[in-house]
C-alpha atoms as a PDB file:
ATOM      1  CA  MET A   1     -33.557   0.424   1.402  1.00  0.00           C
ATOM      2  CA  THR A   2     -29.564   0.779   2.145  1.00  0.00           C
ATOM      3  CA  ARG A   3     -28.296   2.120   5.115  1.00  0.00           C
ATOM      4  CA  ILE A   4     -24.571   3.192   5.474  1.00  0.00           C
ATOM      5  CA  ARG A   5     -23.680   2.736   8.928  1.00  0.00           C
ATOM      6  CA  PRO A   6     -20.092   2.632  10.691  1.00  0.00           C
ATOM      7  CA  TYR A   7     -18.223  -0.857  10.948  1.00  0.00           C
ATOM      8  CA  GLN A   8     -19.454  -3.028  14.417  1.00  0.00           C
ATOM      9  CA  PRO A   9     -17.324  -5.423  15.546  1.00  0.00           C
ATOM     10  CA  ASP A  10     -19.197  -8.197  14.441  1.00  0.00           C
ATOM     11  CA  ASP A  11     -18.815  -7.285  10.709  1.00  0.00           C
ATOM     12  CA  LEU A  12     -15.823  -8.873   9.685  1.00  0.00           C
ATOM     13  CA  ASP A  13     -17.493 -12.025   8.300  1.00  0.00           C
ATOM     14  CA  GLY A  14     -19.984 -10.077   6.265  1.00  0.00           C
ATOM     15  CA  MET A  15     -16.834  -8.136   4.931  1.00  0.00           C
ATOM     16  CA  LEU A  16     -15.201 -10.968   4.357  1.00  0.00           C
ATOM     17  CA  GLY A  17     -17.809 -12.639   2.413  1.00  0.00           C
ATOM     18  CA  VAL A  18     -18.274  -9.214   0.024  1.00  0.00           C
ATOM     19  CA  GLN A  19     -14.485  -9.439  -0.314  1.00  0.00           C
ATOM     20  CA  ASN A  20     -14.236 -13.095  -1.409  1.00  0.00           C
ATOM     21  CA  ALA A  21     -17.239 -12.955  -3.705  1.00  0.00           C
ATOM     22  CA  SER A  22     -15.590 -10.066  -5.525  1.00  0.00           C
ATOM     23  CA  ALA A  23     -12.668 -11.592  -5.970  1.00  0.00           C
ATOM     24  CA  ASP A  24     -14.213 -14.489  -7.458  1.00  0.00           C
ATOM     25  CA  ALA A  25     -16.202 -12.882  -9.962  1.00  0.00           C
ATOM     26  CA  GLU A  26     -12.637 -10.692 -11.073  1.00  0.00           C
ATOM     27  CA  ALA A  27      -9.719 -12.603 -12.341  1.00  0.00           C
ATOM     28  CA  GLY A  28      -6.693 -10.953 -10.791  1.00  0.00           C
ATOM     29  CA  GLN A  29      -8.004  -9.823  -7.491  1.00  0.00           C
ATOM     30  CA  SER A  30      -6.755 -11.266  -4.577  1.00  0.00           C
ATOM     31  CA  GLY A  31      -9.193 -12.914  -1.885  1.00  0.00           C
ATOM     32  CA  ALA A  32      -8.843 -12.990   1.930  1.00  0.00           C
ATOM     33  CA  SER A  33      -8.701 -14.667   5.089  1.00  0.00           C
ATOM     34  CA  ARG A  34     -10.523 -13.772   8.053  1.00  0.00           C
ATOM     35  CA  SER A  35      -6.927 -12.931  10.155  1.00  0.00           C
ATOM     36  CA  GLY A  36      -5.967 -10.932   7.113  1.00  0.00           C
ATOM     37  CA  LEU A  37      -8.849  -8.822   6.455  1.00  0.00           C
ATOM     38  CA  ALA A  38      -8.712  -7.982  10.002  1.00  0.00           C
ATOM     39  CA  SER A  39      -5.109  -6.897  10.258  1.00  0.00           C
ATOM     40  CA  TYR A  40      -5.251  -4.955   7.147  1.00  0.00           C
ATOM     41  CA  TRP A  41      -7.905  -2.778   8.073  1.00  0.00           C
ATOM     42  CA  GLY A  42      -6.776  -2.554  12.124  1.00  0.00           C
ATOM     43  CA  LEU A  43      -9.427  -4.604  13.675  1.00  0.00           C
ATOM     44  CA  ARG A  44      -8.034  -5.479  17.035  1.00  0.00           C
ATOM     45  CA  ASP A  45      -9.474  -6.247  20.374  1.00  0.00           C
ATOM     46  CA  ARG A  46     -13.162  -5.819  19.099  1.00  0.00           C
ATOM     47  CA  ARG A  47     -12.336  -1.971  18.683  1.00  0.00           C
ATOM     48  CA  ARG A  48     -14.368   0.092  16.451  1.00  0.00           C
ATOM     49  CA  PRO A  49     -11.904   1.565  14.112  1.00  0.00           C
ATOM     50  CA  ALA A  50     -11.910   5.350  12.620  1.00  0.00           C
ATOM     51  CA  GLY A  51     -13.111   5.438   8.935  1.00  0.00           C
ATOM     52  CA  LEU A  52     -14.646   2.323   8.370  1.00  0.00           C
ATOM     53  CA  TRP A  53     -18.131   2.113   7.016  1.00  0.00           C
ATOM     54  CA  VAL A  54     -20.682  -0.828   5.683  1.00  0.00           C
ATOM     55  CA  ALA A  55     -23.437  -1.089   3.647  1.00  0.00           C
ATOM     56  CA  GLU A  56     -26.263  -2.890   5.057  1.00  0.00           C
ATOM     57  CA  GLU A  57     -29.513  -4.204   3.374  1.00  0.00           C
ATOM     58  CA  GLY A  58     -31.930  -6.454   4.691  1.00  0.00           C
ATOM     59  CA  GLY A  59     -29.652  -7.279   7.515  1.00  0.00           C
ATOM     60  CA  GLN A  60     -26.889  -8.595   5.328  1.00  0.00           C
ATOM     61  CA  ILE A  61     -23.865  -6.455   4.081  1.00  0.00           C
ATOM     62  CA  VAL A  62     -23.535  -5.842   0.375  1.00  0.00           C
ATOM     63  CA  ALA A  63     -20.468  -3.410   0.207  1.00  0.00           C
ATOM     64  CA  TYR A  64     -17.960  -1.787   2.731  1.00  0.00           C
ATOM     65  CA  ALA A  65     -15.752   1.356   2.616  1.00  0.00           C
ATOM     66  CA  GLY A  66     -12.824   2.524   4.103  1.00  0.00           C
ATOM     67  CA  LEU A  67     -10.130   5.120   4.685  1.00  0.00           C
ATOM     68  CA  ARG A  68      -6.451   4.191   4.899  1.00  0.00           C
ATOM     69  CA  PRO A  69      -3.580   6.124   5.937  1.00  0.00           C
ATOM     70  CA  TRP A  70      -1.629   7.255   2.914  1.00  0.00           C
ATOM     71  CA  HIS A  71       2.533   7.777   3.225  1.00  0.00           C
ATOM     72  CA  SER A  72       2.278  11.258   4.595  1.00  0.00           C
ATOM     73  CA  LEU A  73       0.138  13.821   6.978  1.00  0.00           C
ATOM     74  CA  GLY A  74      -2.603  15.043   5.199  1.00  0.00           C
ATOM     75  CA  TRP A  75      -3.504  12.198   2.426  1.00  0.00           C
ATOM     76  CA  LEU A  76      -6.002   9.117   2.609  1.00  0.00           C
ATOM     77  CA  GLN A  77      -6.657   6.276   0.521  1.00  0.00           C
ATOM     78  CA  ALA A  78     -10.541   5.464  -0.191  1.00  0.00           C
ATOM     79  CA  GLU A  79     -11.256   1.651  -0.655  1.00  0.00           C
ATOM     80  CA  VAL A  80     -14.984   0.674  -1.736  1.00  0.00           C
ATOM     81  CA  VAL A  81     -15.750  -3.173  -2.197  1.00  0.00           C
ATOM     82  CA  VAL A  82     -19.223  -4.133  -3.428  1.00  0.00           C
ATOM     83  CA  HIS A  83     -20.724  -7.523  -3.813  1.00  0.00           C
ATOM     84  CA  PRO A  84     -21.191  -8.341  -7.597  1.00  0.00           C
ATOM     85  CA  ALA A  85     -24.716  -8.802  -6.970  1.00  0.00           C
ATOM     86  CA  GLU A  86     -25.210  -5.427  -6.044  1.00  0.00           C
ATOM     87  CA  ARG A  87     -23.210  -3.135  -8.106  1.00  0.00           C
ATOM     88  CA  GLY A  88     -25.055  -0.902 -10.369  1.00  0.00           C
ATOM     89  CA  ARG A  89     -27.478   0.157  -7.984  1.00  0.00           C
ATOM     90  CA  GLY A  90     -25.338   3.208  -7.040  1.00  0.00           C
ATOM     91  CA  VAL A  91     -24.301   1.540  -3.304  1.00  0.00           C
ATOM     92  CA  GLY A  92     -20.727   2.299  -4.463  1.00  0.00           C
ATOM     93  CA  GLY A  93     -21.085   5.807  -5.535  1.00  0.00           C
ATOM     94  CA  THR A  94     -23.005   6.855  -1.987  1.00  0.00           C
ATOM     95  CA  LEU A  95     -20.234   4.684  -0.360  1.00  0.00           C
ATOM     96  CA  LEU A  96     -17.388   6.767  -2.132  1.00  0.00           C
ATOM     97  CA  ARG A  97     -19.170  10.133  -1.659  1.00  0.00           C
ATOM     98  CA  HIS A  98     -19.282   9.351   2.118  1.00  0.00           C
ATOM     99  CA  LEU A  99     -15.420   8.967   2.334  1.00  0.00           C
ATOM    100  CA  VAL A 100     -14.839  12.138   0.558  1.00  0.00           C
ATOM    101  CA  ARG A 101     -17.074  13.956   2.938  1.00  0.00           C
ATOM    102  CA  ALA A 102     -15.113  12.048   5.781  1.00  0.00           C
ATOM    103  CA  ALA A 103     -11.780  12.950   4.403  1.00  0.00           C
ATOM    104  CA  ARG A 104     -12.557  16.704   4.399  1.00  0.00           C
ATOM    105  CA  ARG A 105     -13.916  16.443   7.653  1.00  0.00           C
ATOM    106  CA  ARG A 106     -10.395  15.608   8.716  1.00  0.00           C
ATOM    107  CA  SER A 107      -8.749  18.385   7.116  1.00  0.00           C
ATOM    108  CA  THR A 108      -7.263  15.770   4.096  1.00  0.00           C
ATOM    109  CA  ALA A 109      -5.581  17.873   1.544  1.00  0.00           C
ATOM    110  CA  TYR A 110      -5.500  14.569  -1.499  1.00  0.00           C
ATOM    111  CA  LEU A 111      -7.607  11.532  -1.466  1.00  0.00           C
ATOM    112  CA  CYS A 112      -6.234   8.645  -3.838  1.00  0.00           C
ATOM    113  CA  ALA A 113      -7.861   5.660  -5.021  1.00  0.00           C
ATOM    114  CA  ILE A 114      -6.190   2.535  -6.636  1.00  0.00           C
ATOM    115  CA  THR A 115      -7.645   0.572  -9.657  1.00  0.00           C
ATOM    116  CA  PRO A 116      -6.108  -2.288 -11.847  1.00  0.00           C
ATOM    117  CA  ASP A 117      -5.525  -1.317 -15.393  1.00  0.00           C
ATOM    118  CA  ALA A 118      -7.152  -4.382 -16.326  1.00  0.00           C
ATOM    119  CA  HIS A 119     -10.384  -2.495 -15.493  1.00  0.00           C
ATOM    120  CA  PRO A 120     -10.442   0.720 -17.569  1.00  0.00           C
ATOM    121  CA  ASP A 121     -13.958   1.508 -16.762  1.00  0.00           C
ATOM    122  CA  ARG A 122     -13.220   2.090 -12.979  1.00  0.00           C
ATOM    123  CA  GLY A 123     -10.478   4.852 -13.505  1.00  0.00           C
ATOM    124  CA  THR A 124     -13.354   5.978 -15.954  1.00  0.00           C
ATOM    125  CA  TYR A 125     -15.428   6.079 -13.110  1.00  0.00           C
ATOM    126  CA  LEU A 126     -13.229   7.911 -10.557  1.00  0.00           C
ATOM    127  CA  GLU A 127     -12.600  10.521 -13.183  1.00  0.00           C
ATOM    128  CA  ARG A 128     -16.378  11.109 -13.405  1.00  0.00           C
ATOM    129  CA  HIS A 129     -16.077  11.997  -9.808  1.00  0.00           C
ATOM    130  CA  GLY A 130     -12.997  14.518 -10.059  1.00  0.00           C
ATOM    131  CA  PHE A 131     -10.410  12.010  -9.536  1.00  0.00           C
ATOM    132  CA  GLN A 132      -7.298  12.392 -11.743  1.00  0.00           C
ATOM    133  CA  PRO A 133      -4.488   9.226 -12.626  1.00  0.00           C
ATOM    134  CA  PHE A 134      -1.553  10.113 -10.489  1.00  0.00           C
ATOM    135  CA  VAL A 135       0.904   7.634 -10.633  1.00  0.00           C
ATOM    136  CA  ARG A 136       1.104   4.651 -13.299  1.00  0.00           C
ATOM    137  CA  ARG A 137       2.522   1.504 -11.338  1.00  0.00           C
ATOM    138  CA  GLN A 138       3.599  -1.662 -12.248  1.00  0.00           C
ATOM    139  CA  HIS A 139       3.209  -4.898  -9.175  1.00  0.00           C
ATOM    140  CA  MET A 140       6.140  -7.072  -9.257  1.00  0.00           C
ATOM    141  CA  ARG A 141       6.678 -10.844  -7.574  1.00  0.00           C
ATOM    142  CA  LEU A 142       9.371 -12.931  -7.008  1.00  0.00           C
ATOM    143  CA  GLU A 143       8.694 -16.332  -6.778  1.00  0.00           C
ATOM    144  CA  PRO A 144      10.588 -18.797  -5.406  1.00  0.00           C
ATOM    145  CA  VAL A 145      12.021 -16.468  -2.923  1.00  0.00           C
ATOM    146  CA  VAL A 146      15.648 -16.824  -3.687  1.00  0.00           C
ATOM    147  CA  ALA A 147      18.378 -14.105  -2.721  1.00  0.00           C
ATOM    148  CA  PRO A 148      20.671 -13.340  -5.335  1.00  0.00           C
ATOM    149  CA  ALA A 149      24.364 -12.194  -4.870  1.00  0.00           C
ATOM    150  CA  ALA A 150      25.019  -8.853  -3.868  1.00  0.00           C
ATOM    151  CA  ALA A 151      28.681  -7.806  -2.469  1.00  0.00           C
ATOM    152  CA  ASP A 152      29.218  -5.884   0.590  1.00  0.00           C
ATOM    153  CA  VAL A 153      30.141  -1.973  -0.438  1.00  0.00           C
ATOM    154  CA  PRO A 154      33.281  -1.066   0.848  1.00  0.00           C
ATOM    155  CA  GLY A 155      32.719   1.838   3.253  1.00  0.00           C
ATOM    156  CA  PHE A 156      28.881   0.869   4.300  1.00  0.00           C
ATOM    157  CA  ALA A 157      27.267  -1.447   6.504  1.00  0.00           C
ATOM    158  CA  VAL A 158      23.668  -2.597   6.160  1.00  0.00           C
ATOM    159  CA  ARG A 159      21.934  -3.620   9.818  1.00  0.00           C
ATOM    160  CA  ALA A 160      18.212  -2.832  11.489  1.00  0.00           C
ATOM    161  CA  ALA A 161      16.997   0.693  11.983  1.00  0.00           C
ATOM    162  CA  GLY A 162      15.777   1.842  15.394  1.00  0.00           C
ATOM    163  CA  PRO A 163      13.501   4.431  16.767  1.00  0.00           C
ATOM    164  CA  ALA A 164      16.669   7.180  16.508  1.00  0.00           C
ATOM    165  CA  ASP A 165      17.453   6.254  12.461  1.00  0.00           C
ATOM    166  CA  CYS A 166      13.339   7.833  11.818  1.00  0.00           C
ATOM    167  CA  GLY A 167      14.263  11.224  10.936  1.00  0.00           C
ATOM    168  CA  ALA A 168      16.770   9.846   8.299  1.00  0.00           C
ATOM    169  CA  LEU A 169      14.763   7.310   7.113  1.00  0.00           C
ATOM    170  CA  ALA A 170      11.940  10.472   6.547  1.00  0.00           C
ATOM    171  CA  ARG A 171      14.610  12.489   4.989  1.00  0.00           C
ATOM    172  CA  ILE A 172      15.733   9.213   2.388  1.00  0.00           C
ATOM    173  CA  ASN A 173      12.144   9.114   1.783  1.00  0.00           C
ATOM    174  CA  ASN A 174      11.602  12.868   0.748  1.00  0.00           C
ATOM    175  CA  ALA A 175      14.863  12.951  -1.197  1.00  0.00           C
ATOM    176  CA  SER A 176      13.526  10.339  -3.146  1.00  0.00           C
ATOM    177  CA  TYR A 177      10.552  13.029  -4.194  1.00  0.00           C
ATOM    178  CA  PRO A 178      12.175  16.173  -3.941  1.00  0.00           C
ATOM    179  CA  ALA A 179       9.218  18.018  -4.753  1.00  0.00           C
ATOM    180  CA  GLY A 180       7.188  16.440  -2.238  1.00  0.00           C
ATOM    181  CA  ASP A 181       4.278  16.088  -4.649  1.00  0.00           C
ATOM    182  CA  ARG A 182       3.950  12.096  -4.768  1.00  0.00           C
ATOM    183  CA  VAL A 183       3.872  11.429  -1.148  1.00  0.00           C
ATOM    184  CA  GLY A 184       3.885  14.911   0.705  1.00  0.00           C
ATOM    185  CA  ARG A 185       6.911  15.349   3.343  1.00  0.00           C
ATOM    186  CA  ALA A 186       7.605  12.688   5.516  1.00  0.00           C
ATOM    187  CA  ASP A 187       9.152  13.337   9.669  1.00  0.00           C
ATOM    188  CA  ALA A 188      10.551  11.461  12.066  1.00  0.00           C
ATOM    189  CA  ALA A 189       7.417  11.083  14.413  1.00  0.00           C
ATOM    190  CA  GLY A 190       5.102  10.271  11.157  1.00  0.00           C
ATOM    191  CA  TYR A 191       7.686   7.674  10.096  1.00  0.00           C
ATOM    192  CA  GLN A 192       7.481   5.856  13.373  1.00  0.00           C
ATOM    193  CA  ARG A 193       3.916   5.957  13.493  1.00  0.00           C
ATOM    194  CA  PHE A 194       4.192   4.029   9.996  1.00  0.00           C
ATOM    195  CA  ILE A 195       6.603   1.484  11.377  1.00  0.00           C
ATOM    196  CA  GLU A 196       4.586   0.799  14.352  1.00  0.00           C
ATOM    197  CA  ALA A 197       0.772   0.686  12.546  1.00  0.00           C
ATOM    198  CA  SER A 198       2.523  -1.272   9.510  1.00  0.00           C
ATOM    199  CA  GLY A 199       4.952  -3.872  11.397  1.00  0.00           C
ATOM    200  CA  ALA A 200       7.230  -3.003   8.951  1.00  0.00           C
ATOM    201  CA  GLN A 201      11.048  -3.958   9.740  1.00  0.00           C
ATOM    202  CA  VAL A 202      13.565  -1.570   8.125  1.00  0.00           C
ATOM    203  CA  TRP A 203      17.074  -2.126   7.223  1.00  0.00           C
ATOM    204  CA  VAL A 204      19.390   0.743   6.620  1.00  0.00           C
ATOM    205  CA  ALA A 205      22.921   1.126   4.786  1.00  0.00           C
ATOM    206  CA  GLU A 206      24.878   3.394   6.854  1.00  0.00           C
ATOM    207  CA  GLN A 207      28.505   4.945   6.068  1.00  0.00           C
ATOM    208  CA  VAL A 208      30.851   3.359   8.143  1.00  0.00           C
ATOM    209  CA  PRO A 209      32.571   4.277  11.117  1.00  0.00           C
ATOM    210  CA  ALA A 210      30.266   7.114  11.833  1.00  0.00           C
ATOM    211  CA  GLY A 211      28.674   8.473   9.027  1.00  0.00           C
ATOM    212  CA  PRO A 212      24.951   8.924   7.866  1.00  0.00           C
ATOM    213  CA  VAL A 213      22.688   6.877   7.051  1.00  0.00           C
ATOM    214  CA  VAL A 214      21.824   6.700   3.151  1.00  0.00           C
ATOM    215  CA  GLY A 215      19.680   4.186   2.217  1.00  0.00           C
ATOM    216  CA  LEU A 216      16.726   1.909   3.442  1.00  0.00           C
ATOM    217  CA  CYS A 217      14.487  -1.014   2.807  1.00  0.00           C
ATOM    218  CA  GLU A 218      10.782  -1.078   4.228  1.00  0.00           C
ATOM    219  CA  VAL A 219       9.797  -5.331   4.582  1.00  0.00           C
ATOM    220  CA  ARG A 220       6.640  -5.731   6.131  1.00  0.00           C
ATOM    221  CA  GLN A 221       4.050  -9.167   5.999  1.00  0.00           C
ATOM    222  CA  ALA A 222       1.339  -8.870   2.978  1.00  0.00           C
ATOM    223  CA  GLU A 223      -1.422 -11.208   2.134  1.00  0.00           C
ATOM    224  CA  VAL A 224      -1.675 -12.466  -1.469  1.00  0.00           C
ATOM    225  CA  ALA A 225      -3.764 -14.859  -3.648  1.00  0.00           C
ATOM    226  CA  LEU A 226      -1.401 -17.972  -4.320  1.00  0.00           C
ATOM    227  CA  ASN A 227      -3.352 -20.936  -6.099  1.00  0.00           C
ATOM    228  CA  GLY A 228      -6.939 -19.589  -5.552  1.00  0.00           C
ATOM    229  CA  ALA A 229      -5.963 -19.219  -1.967  1.00  0.00           C
ATOM    230  CA  PRO A 230      -4.826 -16.173   0.782  1.00  0.00           C
ATOM    231  CA  VAL A 231      -1.428 -16.391   1.498  1.00  0.00           C
ATOM    232  CA  ARG A 232       0.629 -14.363   3.911  1.00  0.00           C
ATOM    233  CA  THR A 233       3.868 -13.134   1.980  1.00  0.00           C
ATOM    234  CA  GLY A 234       6.593 -10.464   2.026  1.00  0.00           C
ATOM    235  CA  HIS A 235       6.422  -7.123   0.674  1.00  0.00           C
ATOM    236  CA  ILE A 236       8.897  -4.641   0.007  1.00  0.00           C
ATOM    237  CA  GLY A 237       7.261  -1.406   1.013  1.00  0.00           C
ATOM    238  CA  SER A 238       9.871   0.694  -0.236  1.00  0.00           C
ATOM    239  CA  LEU A 239      13.654   0.878  -1.603  1.00  0.00           C
ATOM    240  CA  ALA A 240      15.219   4.237  -1.360  1.00  0.00           C
ATOM    241  CA  VAL A 241      18.683   5.745  -1.560  1.00  0.00           C
ATOM    242  CA  LEU A 242      19.899   9.253  -1.106  1.00  0.00           C
ATOM    243  CA  PRO A 243      20.867  10.785  -4.611  1.00  0.00           C
ATOM    244  CA  ALA A 244      24.472  11.560  -3.541  1.00  0.00           C
ATOM    245  CA  TYR A 245      25.043   7.795  -3.095  1.00  0.00           C
ATOM    246  CA  ARG A 246      23.276   6.034  -5.937  1.00  0.00           C
ATOM    247  CA  GLN A 247      25.476   3.769  -8.581  1.00  0.00           C
ATOM    248  CA  ARG A 248      27.302   1.893  -5.815  1.00  0.00           C
ATOM    249  CA  GLY A 249      25.506  -1.077  -5.388  1.00  0.00           C
ATOM    250  CA  LEU A 250      24.147   0.149  -1.831  1.00  0.00           C
ATOM    251  CA  GLY A 251      20.137  -0.175  -3.612  1.00  0.00           C
ATOM    252  CA  ARG A 252      21.116  -4.114  -4.743  1.00  0.00           C
ATOM    253  CA  ARG A 253      22.583  -4.881  -1.065  1.00  0.00           C
ATOM    254  CA  LEU A 254      19.458  -3.683   0.562  1.00  0.00           C
ATOM    255  CA  LEU A 255      17.364  -5.037  -1.884  1.00  0.00           C
ATOM    256  CA  VAL A 256      19.059  -8.789  -1.386  1.00  0.00           C
ATOM    257  CA  ARG A 257      18.613  -7.900   2.784  1.00  0.00           C
ATOM    258  CA  GLY A 258      15.201  -7.286   2.318  1.00  0.00           C
ATOM    259  CA  ILE A 259      14.635 -10.634   0.209  1.00  0.00           C
ATOM    260  CA  GLU A 260      16.968 -12.797   2.865  1.00  0.00           C
ATOM    261  CA  LEU A 261      14.410 -11.352   5.254  1.00  0.00           C
ATOM    262  CA  CYS A 262      11.164 -12.838   3.424  1.00  0.00           C
ATOM    263  CA  ARG A 263      13.080 -16.137   2.989  1.00  0.00           C
ATOM    264  CA  GLU A 264      13.853 -16.289   6.737  1.00  0.00           C
ATOM    265  CA  ASN A 265      10.275 -15.591   7.690  1.00  0.00           C
ATOM    266  CA  GLY A 266       9.642 -18.641   5.073  1.00  0.00           C
ATOM    267  CA  TRP A 267       7.151 -16.678   3.247  1.00  0.00           C
ATOM    268  CA  PRO A 268       6.574 -17.850  -0.438  1.00  0.00           C
ATOM    269  CA  THR A 269       7.005 -14.944  -2.581  1.00  0.00           C
ATOM    270  CA  VAL A 270       7.975 -11.381  -2.001  1.00  0.00           C
ATOM    271  CA  GLU A 271       5.855  -8.742  -3.612  1.00  0.00           C
ATOM    272  CA  LEU A 272       6.399  -5.038  -4.408  1.00  0.00           C
ATOM    273  CA  ASN A 273       5.107  -1.974  -6.368  1.00  0.00           C
ATOM    274  CA  VAL A 274       7.048   0.194  -8.773  1.00  0.00           C
ATOM    275  CA  ASP A 275       6.699   3.848 -10.886  1.00  0.00           C
ATOM    276  CA  ARG A 276       6.453   2.220 -14.096  1.00  0.00           C
ATOM    277  CA  ASP A 277       8.784   5.129 -15.308  1.00  0.00           C
ATOM    278  CA  ASN A 278      11.397   4.104 -13.158  1.00  0.00           C
ATOM    279  CA  GLU A 279      13.840   2.316 -15.368  1.00  0.00           C
ATOM    280  CA  PRO A 280      16.587   2.162 -13.019  1.00  0.00           C
ATOM    281  CA  ALA A 281      14.336   1.006 -10.520  1.00  0.00           C
ATOM    282  CA  LEU A 282      12.552  -1.768 -13.071  1.00  0.00           C
ATOM    283  CA  HIS A 283      16.055  -2.518 -14.303  1.00  0.00           C
ATOM    284  CA  LEU A 284      16.936  -3.358 -10.618  1.00  0.00           C
ATOM    285  CA  TYR A 285      13.953  -5.543  -9.918  1.00  0.00           C
ATOM    286  CA  GLU A 286      13.871  -7.925 -13.159  1.00  0.00           C
ATOM    287  CA  SER A 287      17.675  -8.185 -12.454  1.00  0.00           C
ATOM    288  CA  THR A 288      17.228  -9.696  -9.038  1.00  0.00           C
ATOM    289  CA  GLY A 289      14.416 -12.184 -10.369  1.00  0.00           C
ATOM    290  CA  PHE A 290      11.459 -10.360 -10.122  1.00  0.00           C
ATOM    291  CA  ARG A 291       8.375 -10.319 -12.634  1.00  0.00           C
ATOM    292  CA  ALA A 292       5.306  -8.596 -13.603  1.00  0.00           C
ATOM    293  CA  VAL A 293       2.224  -9.371 -12.430  1.00  0.00           C
ATOM    294  CA  TYR A 294      -0.564  -6.719 -12.839  1.00  0.00           C
ATOM    295  CA  ALA A 295      -0.549  -2.753 -13.725  1.00  0.00           C
ATOM    296  CA  PHE A 296      -2.312  -0.130 -11.549  1.00  0.00           C
ATOM    297  CA  THR A 297      -2.947   3.544 -11.764  1.00  0.00           C
ATOM    298  CA  VAL A 298      -3.629   5.527  -8.296  1.00  0.00           C
ATOM    299  CA  TYR A 299      -5.718   8.204  -9.038  1.00  0.00           C
ATOM    300  CA  ARG A 300      -5.767  11.497  -6.568  1.00  0.00           C
ATOM    301  CA  LEU A 301      -8.785  14.084  -5.701  1.00  0.00           C
ATOM    302  CA  ALA A 302      -7.418  17.545  -4.509  1.00  0.00           C
ATOM    303  CA  LEU A 303      -9.750  17.745  -1.727  1.00  0.00           C
ATOM    304  CA  ALA A 304      -9.564  21.489  -2.328  1.00  0.00           C
ATOM    305  CA  ALA A 305     -11.087  21.429  -5.843  1.00  0.00           C
ATOM    306  CA  GLY A 306     -14.860  21.267  -4.993  1.00  0.00           C
ATOM    307  CA  PRO A 307     -17.857  18.694  -4.481  1.00  0.00           C
ATOM    308  CA  LEU A 308     -17.597  15.678  -5.406  1.00  0.00           C
ATOM    309  CA  ALA A 309     -20.034  15.102  -8.760  1.00  0.00           C
ATOM    310  CA  PRO A 310     -23.123  13.566  -7.647  1.00  0.00           C
END
């Protein structure tokens, strides 16, 4: 009999076995290292994280599922990983329903889930459970990490962001999605929590000598599979410029600074995700050497829409 229970500090190796068995069974899915998986789920000092559960059968972990913060207050991301030998038995659906109930208890407005387009059956499965396609995205990679030329923009300086910049960073993100529909509404406190939780380093473009902060580039460490092995790499989490300051080269200058930071850290690749309908961003990334790796879709469940299907 399968039992769903909260994560315990000794479950990490069992989760790692499920994750890597799943990666081995599916082309394009990344395996993980023990430290990488622990970092991804915030498993520190043997403390039990909120929002992480395992499915156990006969003393063995056969699946796990968790809730992760999304971009803004009121949003969470659901992840479910099932060992290939246990698929088709309803374990994944049981865990997904568990996540939805837990998200509702947190007064979550939207729950999202990500699935690669190479597995359309997963999108169909999510739709049967009330999720709808929300954003279609492209994962891109720069390898080797070579920073292209980018001239300084007269009247602007690029510098590292500090805590006092969090309000400006939130305003830039909100201006990038004026309706607030993609990621909700960011604020200074929430942006600071994001930086602290993710370990992101943020660079900003600032009008000089005393003008506003008008653009940003977030860079953090991630883990991807290269040549069959998980490696630490760089990830551009967000690149944004206020609409009134676009078409001046600030986006390219910020992106190049992010690439330079990845090279300074010795990371073998730089990864990023971009909306497939964002043609200016796609052109910028391709012009600086990024190439498409795989396509994926973000699905969204509005939790006020009713109960999850059985």
